[in-house]
């Protein structure tokens, strides 16, 4: 039928009377179903009461069975663990029995002499030491070639005439003795000292030798900035350990030719380097720049002399100023690389009592002014004088080549030996 309002065809429309009849029918069916349900529930409850005991029994049996299975599994694991431990115990017993048999057999053997074992170990140690010495010698020879440490000029003895010593150079730069530093510009001195510091640092690294005086750089890295030098930790022998103040091992461009020949002027940097101020050591006072550089140079000379002592080369005080010549003697030593602070045979910490050089005496010889000493004379003749009329004799100063230093000429008298006025050989109180 169609709706009178929306005019749509609907399935079915019920009137009020029909709805009441349907509702009543539904309620009757619901009541009947409720009764059937209650009856079925009661019947099921009565049926369950008869089997409730059996169900409880079966549940208990199931729980017990589960417990038994777990115990069986645990027992199997324990048996497996016990078997593994028995096997390990058997192996340990067999190993212990084998060791006992070996020990018993070893007790029956005659004991080897201890002298043979010691001799064998000593022989191996000597072989290793010789191998290290050969390796170090090879590295040192390469180092000498790289830095080009050579002696130029001079002449050998000929026809009964005494020869003359040449100039030692490193990197084609001459490193003068302390008395001749004033003859060179500050840039030349700084460059040759830097080369020497690098050479000495690599040489001591190859040889495994610790030097009395340690060099630090203002750039916090090796070779970066300006070098400063001061005493490290060591014994009181040699009177060097108390010189812990860092001194500048460089010259500034403001150094003039009027400075002391053995104490060039070198001002301190405007600010304290971070690598030095962080330590407990102090810097040299700015009021004594000349003495500060001279002290630093004396420390460098002392390091070279101590390095030579460790390699079997003894350098007297009168020859301590010839730095490159002494380093060359170290590189040509027959005992080169045999003793070290890092490998056997071990060296004593610097400096031992057997090292004869005293730093105070070396410093006095370095700072001694040539003009401040008495007039020198030559055996068999008058005093030797240079081109400027001054006394130019020295036991350590190397002769200058005229083609390189035309402004000053040092007269050389062959067959003469320079001595002090008191008859003693000169050179022990200074380096020129």
Protein backbone atom coordinates (compact mmCIF):
# COMPACT_ATOMS: atom_id res chain seq x y z
CA UNK A 1 0.00 0.00 0.00
CA UNK A 2 1.04 3.58 -0.39
CA UNK A 3 1.63 6.17 2.28
CA UNK A 4 -0.80 8.97 2.21
CA UNK A 5 1.86 11.50 3.11
CA UNK A 6 5.02 10.55 1.17
CA UNK A 7 3.14 8.42 -1.38
CA UNK A 8 5.83 5.70 -1.16
CA UNK A 9 4.95 2.05 -1.42
CA UNK A 10 5.65 0.30 1.91
CA UNK A 11 5.73 -3.33 2.77
CA UNK A 12 3.07 -3.40 5.36
CA UNK A 13 1.26 -1.10 7.71
CA UNK A 14 -0.26 -2.28 10.96
CA UNK A 15 -3.14 -0.80 12.80
CA UNK A 16 -3.28 -0.36 16.55
CA UNK A 17 -5.30 -3.49 17.08
CA UNK A 18 -2.93 -5.61 15.07
CA UNK A 19 0.02 -4.29 17.01
CA UNK A 20 -1.54 -5.23 20.31
CA UNK A 21 -2.22 -8.74 19.08
CA UNK A 22 1.32 -9.15 17.86
CA UNK A 23 2.79 -7.84 21.14
CA UNK A 24 0.67 -10.19 23.17
CA UNK A 25 1.75 -13.08 21.00
CA UNK A 26 5.37 -12.17 21.47
CA UNK A 27 5.03 -11.95 25.26
CA UNK A 28 3.43 -15.38 25.41
CA UNK A 29 6.22 -16.88 23.34
CA UNK A 30 8.83 -15.20 25.56
CA UNK A 31 7.22 -16.59 28.70
CA UNK A 32 7.09 -20.05 27.23
CA UNK A 33 10.75 -19.90 26.18
CA UNK A 34 11.75 -18.64 29.65
CA UNK A 35 10.08 -21.60 31.28
CA UNK A 36 11.80 -24.01 28.89
CA UNK A 37 15.14 -22.33 29.55
CA UNK A 38 14.76 -22.53 33.31
CA UNK A 39 13.79 -26.16 33.04
CA UNK A 40 16.84 -26.97 30.90
CA UNK A 41 19.15 -25.08 33.29
CA UNK A 42 17.79 -26.97 36.27
CA UNK A 43 18.14 -30.28 34.49
CA UNK A 44 21.75 -29.43 33.51
CA UNK A 45 22.55 -28.41 37.07
CA UNK A 46 21.21 -31.68 38.40
CA UNK A 47 23.22 -33.57 35.79
CA UNK A 48 26.44 -31.70 36.66
CA UNK A 49 26.07 -32.43 40.35
CA UNK A 50 26.54 -36.08 39.58
CA UNK A 51 29.86 -35.63 37.70
CA UNK A 52 31.30 -32.72 39.71
CA UNK A 53 33.40 -35.03 41.89
CA UNK A 54 34.79 -36.86 38.88
CA UNK A 55 35.72 -33.56 37.18
CA UNK A 56 37.56 -32.33 40.29
CA UNK A 57 39.43 -35.62 40.46
CA UNK A 58 40.44 -35.39 36.80
CA UNK A 59 41.57 -31.78 37.25
CA UNK A 60 43.74 -32.74 40.21
CA UNK A 61 45.20 -35.63 38.23
CA UNK A 62 46.01 -33.25 35.34
CA UNK A 63 47.78 -30.84 37.69
CA UNK A 64 49.81 -33.63 39.22
CA UNK A 65 50.71 -34.95 35.78
CA UNK A 66 51.90 -31.50 34.71
CA UNK A 67 54.06 -31.23 37.85
CA UNK A 68 55.52 -34.67 37.20
CA UNK A 69 56.39 -33.68 33.62
CA UNK A 70 58.16 -30.54 34.82
CA UNK A 71 60.11 -32.55 37.39
CA UNK A 72 61.06 -35.09 34.72
CA UNK A 73 62.37 -32.33 32.45
CA UNK A 74 64.39 -30.79 35.31
CA UNK A 75 65.81 -34.18 36.18
CA UNK A 76 66.84 -34.71 32.55
CA UNK A 77 68.65 -31.34 32.55
CA UNK A 78 70.41 -32.21 35.80
CA UNK A 79 71.48 -35.56 34.41
CA UNK A 80 72.85 -33.89 31.30
CA UNK A 81 74.73 -31.33 33.41
CA UNK A 82 76.10 -34.07 35.65
CA UNK A 83 77.30 -36.03 32.62
CA UNK A 84 79.13 -32.95 31.28
CA UNK A 85 80.75 -32.32 34.66
CA UNK A 86 81.76 -35.97 34.95
CA UNK A 87 83.39 -35.74 31.52
CA UNK A 88 85.25 -32.56 32.46
CA UNK A 89 86.33 -34.11 35.75
CA UNK A 90 87.63 -37.12 33.87
CA UNK A 91 89.63 -34.90 31.51
CA UNK A 92 91.05 -32.93 34.43
CA UNK A 93 92.08 -36.12 36.16
CA UNK A 94 93.77 -37.36 32.99
CA UNK A 95 95.55 -34.02 32.55
CA UNK A 96 96.65 -34.01 36.17
CA UNK A 97 97.94 -37.54 35.85
CA UNK A 98 99.85 -36.58 32.68
CA UNK A 99 101.38 -33.58 34.43
CA UNK A 100 102.39 -35.74 37.37
CA UNK A 101 104.04 -38.21 35.03
CA UNK A 102 105.81 -35.37 33.22
CA UNK A 103 106.94 -33.89 36.54
CA UNK A 104 108.20 -37.24 37.72
CA UNK A 105 110.10 -37.72 34.45
CA UNK A 106 111.53 -34.19 34.73
CA UNK A 107 112.75 -34.92 38.25
CA UNK A 108 114.64 -37.89 36.95
CA UNK A 109 116.42 -35.78 34.31
CA UNK A 110 119.67 -34.03 35.27
CA UNK A 111 119.25 -30.27 35.91
CA UNK A 112 120.83 -28.10 33.17
CA UNK A 113 123.62 -25.83 34.41
CA UNK A 114 122.49 -22.31 35.21
CA UNK A 115 125.62 -20.87 33.65
CA UNK A 116 124.69 -22.18 30.20
CA UNK A 117 121.21 -20.68 30.42
CA UNK A 118 122.62 -17.36 31.58
CA UNK A 119 125.23 -17.41 28.83
CA UNK A 120 122.55 -18.14 26.23
CA UNK A 121 120.32 -15.31 27.44
CA UNK A 122 123.29 -12.96 27.59
CA UNK A 123 124.29 -13.91 24.07
CA UNK A 124 120.79 -13.26 22.77
CA UNK A 125 120.71 -9.94 24.62
CA UNK A 126 124.05 -8.93 23.10
CA UNK A 127 122.81 -9.92 19.65
CA UNK A 128 119.70 -7.78 20.12
CA UNK A 129 121.80 -4.90 21.41
CA UNK A 130 124.11 -5.13 18.40
CA UNK A 131 121.11 -5.18 16.06
CA UNK A 132 119.71 -2.07 17.75
CA UNK A 133 123.09 -0.37 17.54
CA UNK A 134 123.33 -1.11 13.82
CA UNK A 135 119.80 0.17 13.22
CA UNK A 136 120.49 3.33 15.19
CA UNK A 137 123.76 3.86 13.36
CA UNK A 138 121.98 3.61 10.02
CA UNK A 139 119.34 6.11 11.10
CA UNK A 140 122.01 8.51 12.35
CA UNK A 141 123.93 8.33 9.07
CA UNK A 142 120.76 9.13 7.15
CA UNK A 143 120.08 11.98 9.56
CA UNK A 144 123.54 13.44 8.94
CA UNK A 145 122.97 13.27 5.19
CA UNK A 146 119.53 14.89 5.45
CA UNK A 147 120.78 17.82 7.55
CA UNK A 148 124.01 18.00 5.51
CA UNK A 149 126.38 18.27 8.47
CA UNK A 150 129.78 18.79 6.86
CA UNK A 151 133.05 20.62 7.45
CA UNK A 152 133.98 23.10 4.75
CA UNK A 153 137.23 24.92 4.27
CA UNK A 154 140.41 24.35 6.20
CA UNK A 155 143.45 22.43 5.05
CA UNK A 156 145.24 19.26 6.18
CA UNK A 157 148.78 19.34 7.60
CA UNK A 158 151.26 19.48 4.76
CA UNK A 159 155.06 19.68 4.66
CA UNK A 160 155.46 19.81 8.42
CA UNK A 161 153.05 22.72 8.64
CA UNK A 162 150.08 22.46 10.97
CA UNK A 163 146.72 22.25 9.26
CA UNK A 164 143.76 24.50 9.90
CA UNK A 165 140.24 23.51 10.87
CA UNK A 166 137.36 24.33 8.58
CA UNK A 167 133.86 25.58 9.29
CA UNK A 168 131.22 23.09 10.39
CA UNK A 169 127.87 23.71 8.71
CA UNK A 170 124.39 22.27 9.05
CA UNK A 171 121.99 22.89 6.20
CA UNK A 172 124.75 25.02 4.56
CA UNK A 173 124.68 27.36 7.58
CA UNK A 174 127.65 27.91 9.88
CA UNK A 175 127.09 27.51 13.63
CA UNK A 176 129.77 29.68 15.25
CA UNK A 177 131.30 29.23 18.66
CA UNK A 178 129.91 31.54 21.36
CA UNK A 179 132.65 34.12 20.87
CA UNK A 180 131.88 34.51 17.15
CA UNK A 181 128.09 34.86 17.36
CA UNK A 182 128.33 38.64 17.06
CA UNK A 183 129.81 38.24 13.57
CA UNK A 184 126.53 36.88 12.20
CA UNK A 185 123.08 38.45 11.84
CA UNK A 186 120.29 37.30 14.20
CA UNK A 187 118.36 35.59 11.37
CA UNK A 188 121.39 33.44 10.58
CA UNK A 189 121.85 32.48 14.24
CA UNK A 190 118.16 31.66 14.69
CA UNK A 191 118.10 29.51 11.56
CA UNK A 192 121.22 27.51 12.37
CA UNK A 193 120.19 27.03 16.01
CA UNK A 194 116.77 25.80 14.88
CA UNK A 195 118.44 23.30 12.53
CA UNK A 196 120.71 22.19 15.35
CA UNK A 197 117.80 21.75 17.77
CA UNK A 198 115.92 19.64 15.21
CA UNK A 199 119.01 17.58 14.49
CA UNK A 200 119.73 17.06 18.19
CA UNK A 201 116.11 16.16 18.91
CA UNK A 202 115.97 13.50 16.20
CA UNK A 203 119.41 12.21 17.17
CA UNK A 204 118.42 11.72 20.81
CA UNK A 205 115.11 10.15 19.71
CA UNK A 206 116.94 7.60 17.56
CA UNK A 207 119.50 6.86 20.27
CA UNK A 208 116.94 6.80 23.12
CA UNK A 209 118.87 9.27 25.26
CA UNK A 210 117.31 11.76 27.68
CA UNK A 211 119.08 15.12 27.80
CA UNK A 212 119.54 17.22 30.95
CA UNK A 213 117.95 20.36 29.45
CA UNK A 214 114.57 20.20 27.73
CA UNK A 215 113.50 22.40 24.82
CA UNK A 216 109.95 23.72 24.49
CA UNK A 217 108.35 25.78 21.73
CA UNK A 218 106.00 28.73 22.00
CA UNK A 219 103.66 27.19 19.41
CA UNK A 220 102.91 24.20 21.70
CA UNK A 221 104.23 21.86 18.96
CA UNK A 222 107.72 20.72 18.11
CA UNK A 223 109.36 23.19 15.73
CA UNK A 224 106.48 25.70 15.87
CA UNK A 225 107.30 29.09 17.35
CA UNK A 226 110.46 30.04 19.19
CA UNK A 227 112.57 27.60 21.24
CA UNK A 228 113.08 27.99 25.00
CA UNK A 229 115.29 25.70 27.06
CA UNK A 230 115.51 24.80 30.74
CA UNK A 231 116.54 21.98 33.04
CA UNK A 232 114.38 18.92 33.46
CA UNK A 233 114.29 16.53 36.38
CA UNK A 234 117.59 15.03 37.35
CA UNK A 235 120.30 14.56 39.95
CA UNK A 236 122.36 17.31 41.50
CA UNK A 237 125.54 16.09 39.84
CA UNK A 238 126.87 18.67 37.41
CA UNK A 239 125.07 21.63 39.08
CA UNK A 240 122.59 21.85 36.19
CA UNK A 241 119.35 20.66 37.82
CA UNK A 242 118.71 23.98 39.58
CA UNK A 243 118.52 25.87 36.27
CA UNK A 244 114.79 25.23 35.85
CA UNK A 245 114.08 28.71 34.48
CA UNK A 246 113.34 28.66 30.75
CA UNK A 247 115.71 30.78 28.67
CA UNK A 248 115.22 31.91 25.04
CA UNK A 249 117.28 29.98 22.55
CA UNK A 250 116.76 32.57 19.83
CA UNK A 251 117.66 36.14 18.92
CA UNK A 252 115.40 38.97 17.87
CA UNK A 253 115.89 41.24 14.90
CA UNK A 254 116.52 44.17 17.25
CA UNK A 255 119.91 42.75 18.22
CA UNK A 256 122.60 45.23 17.23
CA UNK A 257 126.27 44.85 16.48
CA UNK A 258 127.14 46.64 19.71
CA UNK A 259 125.95 43.75 21.84
CA UNK A 260 128.36 41.61 23.77
CA UNK A 261 130.12 39.03 21.59
CA UNK A 262 129.21 36.20 23.93
CA UNK A 263 125.86 37.55 25.09
CA UNK A 264 123.69 38.73 22.16
CA UNK A 265 120.60 40.77 22.89
CA UNK A 266 117.29 38.92 22.75
CA UNK A 267 114.12 40.36 24.30
CA UNK A 268 111.42 38.13 25.70
CA UNK A 269 108.14 37.72 23.79
CA UNK A 270 105.31 40.12 24.71
CA UNK A 271 103.26 37.39 26.31
CA UNK A 272 104.12 34.19 28.07
CA UNK A 273 103.64 31.16 25.79
CA UNK A 274 100.81 28.89 26.80
CA UNK A 275 103.00 25.80 26.64
CA UNK A 276 105.40 27.33 29.15
CA UNK A 277 103.05 29.20 31.46
CA UNK A 278 101.07 26.03 32.05
CA UNK A 279 104.07 24.41 33.69
CA UNK A 280 105.60 25.20 37.04
CA UNK A 281 108.81 26.46 35.44
CA UNK A 282 109.44 30.17 35.11
CA UNK A 283 110.82 32.29 32.32
CA UNK A 284 114.00 34.28 32.34
CA UNK A 285 113.54 37.91 33.50
CA UNK A 286 113.25 40.46 30.72
CA UNK A 287 115.90 42.66 32.37
CA UNK A 288 118.75 40.30 31.38
CA UNK A 289 118.15 39.25 27.74
CA UNK A 290 121.84 38.94 26.88
CA UNK A 291 122.68 36.66 29.79
CA UNK A 292 119.45 34.74 29.16
CA UNK A 293 120.39 33.82 25.57
CA UNK A 294 123.95 33.03 26.59
CA UNK A 295 122.67 30.75 29.35
CA UNK A 296 120.35 29.03 26.88
CA UNK A 297 123.23 28.51 24.43
CA UNK A 298 125.35 27.08 27.26
CA UNK A 299 122.51 24.65 28.03
CA UNK A 300 122.54 23.54 24.40
CA UNK A 301 126.30 22.99 24.56
CA UNK A 302 125.89 21.01 27.79
CA UNK A 303 123.29 18.77 26.12
CA UNK A 304 125.68 18.04 23.26
CA UNK A 305 128.53 17.24 25.65
CA UNK A 306 126.33 14.91 27.69
CA UNK A 307 125.09 13.16 24.54
CA UNK A 308 128.71 12.65 23.49
CA UNK A 309 129.48 11.21 26.94
CA UNK A 310 126.66 8.65 26.61
CA UNK A 311 128.11 7.49 23.28
CA UNK A 312 131.67 7.08 24.55
CA UNK A 313 133.04 10.44 23.39
CA UNK A 314 134.59 12.65 26.06
CA UNK A 315 134.65 16.35 25.20
CA UNK A 316 136.88 18.63 27.31
CA UNK A 317 135.70 22.05 28.38
CA UNK A 318 138.00 23.76 25.90
CA UNK A 319 136.21 22.06 22.96
CA UNK A 320 132.64 22.32 24.22
CA UNK A 321 131.90 25.34 22.01
CA UNK A 322 132.36 23.43 18.74
CA UNK A 323 128.78 22.15 18.67
CA UNK A 324 128.58 20.67 15.18
CA UNK A 325 132.07 19.20 15.41
CA UNK A 326 131.08 17.48 18.66
CA UNK A 327 127.87 16.19 17.08
CA UNK A 328 129.89 14.84 14.18
CA UNK A 329 132.17 13.07 16.65
CA UNK A 330 129.08 11.54 18.27
CA UNK A 331 127.79 10.30 14.90
CA UNK A 332 131.19 8.73 14.14
CA UNK A 333 131.62 7.10 17.55
CA UNK A 334 132.35 3.40 17.69
CA UNK A 335 129.96 3.08 20.66
CA UNK A 336 127.10 4.78 18.81
CA UNK A 337 123.71 3.37 19.79
CA UNK A 338 124.99 0.76 22.23
CA UNK A 339 123.77 2.45 25.42
CA UNK A 340 120.42 4.11 25.95
CA UNK A 341 117.94 5.23 28.59
CA UNK A 342 115.26 3.01 27.01
CA UNK A 343 117.00 -0.27 26.13
CA UNK A 344 119.67 -2.43 27.71
CA UNK A 345 122.39 -1.76 28.60
CA UNK A 346 120.62 1.06 30.42
CA UNK A 347 122.19 4.42 31.06
CA UNK A 348 121.92 6.16 34.41
CA UNK A 349 119.56 9.17 34.54
CA UNK A 350 121.27 12.45 33.62
CA UNK A 351 123.75 13.23 34.78
CA UNK A 352 125.82 10.51 36.51
CA UNK A 353 128.83 11.24 38.68
CA UNK A 354 131.10 9.88 35.94
CA UNK A 355 130.20 12.83 33.69
CA UNK A 356 133.04 15.28 34.45
CA UNK A 357 131.66 18.47 32.89
CA UNK A 358 130.18 20.99 35.31
CA UNK A 359 127.51 23.31 33.93
CA UNK A 360 128.64 26.26 36.03
CA UNK A 361 132.12 26.07 34.55
CA UNK A 362 130.69 25.71 31.04
CA UNK A 363 128.47 28.75 31.61
CA UNK A 364 131.43 30.78 32.84
CA UNK A 365 133.46 29.77 29.78
CA UNK A 366 130.56 30.66 27.49
CA UNK A 367 129.92 34.07 29.03
CA UNK A 368 133.61 35.02 29.27
CA UNK A 369 134.38 38.06 27.08
CA UNK A 370 137.51 37.85 24.92
CA UNK A 371 138.39 41.49 25.61
CA UNK A 372 138.11 41.00 29.33
CA UNK A 373 140.93 38.42 29.53
CA UNK A 374 144.62 39.07 29.73
CA UNK A 375 146.71 39.57 26.64
CA UNK A 376 147.71 36.30 24.95
CA UNK A 377 151.11 35.59 23.50
CA UNK A 378 152.42 32.92 21.16
CA UNK A 379 155.27 30.54 21.90
CA UNK A 380 158.31 31.80 20.06
CA UNK A 381 156.86 35.14 18.99
CA UNK A 382 154.63 38.09 19.81
CA UNK A 383 150.91 38.12 20.32
CA UNK A 384 148.78 37.19 17.32
CA UNK A 385 146.40 39.97 16.35
CA UNK A 386 143.67 40.24 13.79
CA UNK A 387 143.06 42.76 11.11
CA UNK A 388 141.39 45.17 13.53
CA UNK A 389 144.39 45.19 15.84
CA UNK A 390 142.66 43.19 18.55
CA UNK A 391 143.63 39.87 20.03
CA UNK A 392 142.06 37.18 17.86
CA UNK A 393 143.61 34.05 19.36
CA UNK A 394 141.36 31.29 20.68
CA UNK A 395 141.62 27.57 21.28
CA UNK A 396 138.11 26.86 20.00
CA UNK A 397 137.21 29.56 17.48
CA UNK A 398 137.27 28.29 13.91
CA UNK A 399 139.14 30.39 11.26
CA UNK A 400 136.97 32.56 9.06
CA UNK A 401 137.16 32.45 5.30
CA UNK A 402 138.14 35.76 3.77
CA UNK A 403 135.81 35.47 0.80
CA UNK A 404 132.77 35.29 3.07
CA UNK A 405 133.75 37.82 5.70
CA UNK A 406 135.75 40.42 3.84
CA UNK A 407 135.09 43.09 6.44
CA UNK A 408 137.23 41.30 9.04
CA UNK A 409 140.28 39.16 8.58
CA UNK A 410 141.81 36.94 11.21
CA UNK A 411 145.53 36.56 10.86
CA UNK A 412 146.86 33.03 11.06
CA UNK A 413 150.44 32.22 11.97
CA UNK A 414 151.49 28.71 11.11
CA UNK A 415 153.56 26.84 13.65
CA UNK A 416 152.38 29.01 16.57
CA UNK A 417 150.49 27.77 19.61
CA UNK A 418 148.43 30.31 21.58
CA UNK A 419 148.88 30.33 25.35
CA UNK A 420 148.06 32.68 28.21
CA UNK A 421 150.69 34.92 29.72
CA UNK A 422 151.09 32.56 32.65
CA UNK A 423 152.27 29.83 30.26
CA UNK A 424 149.08 27.73 30.24
CA UNK A 425 147.22 26.84 27.06
CA UNK A 426 144.25 29.16 26.50
CA UNK A 427 140.63 28.22 25.95
CA UNK A 428 139.60 26.85 29.34
CA UNK A 429 138.02 30.11 30.44
CA UNK A 430 136.05 30.84 27.32
CA UNK A 431 135.33 29.98 23.71
CA UNK A 432 136.81 33.10 22.05
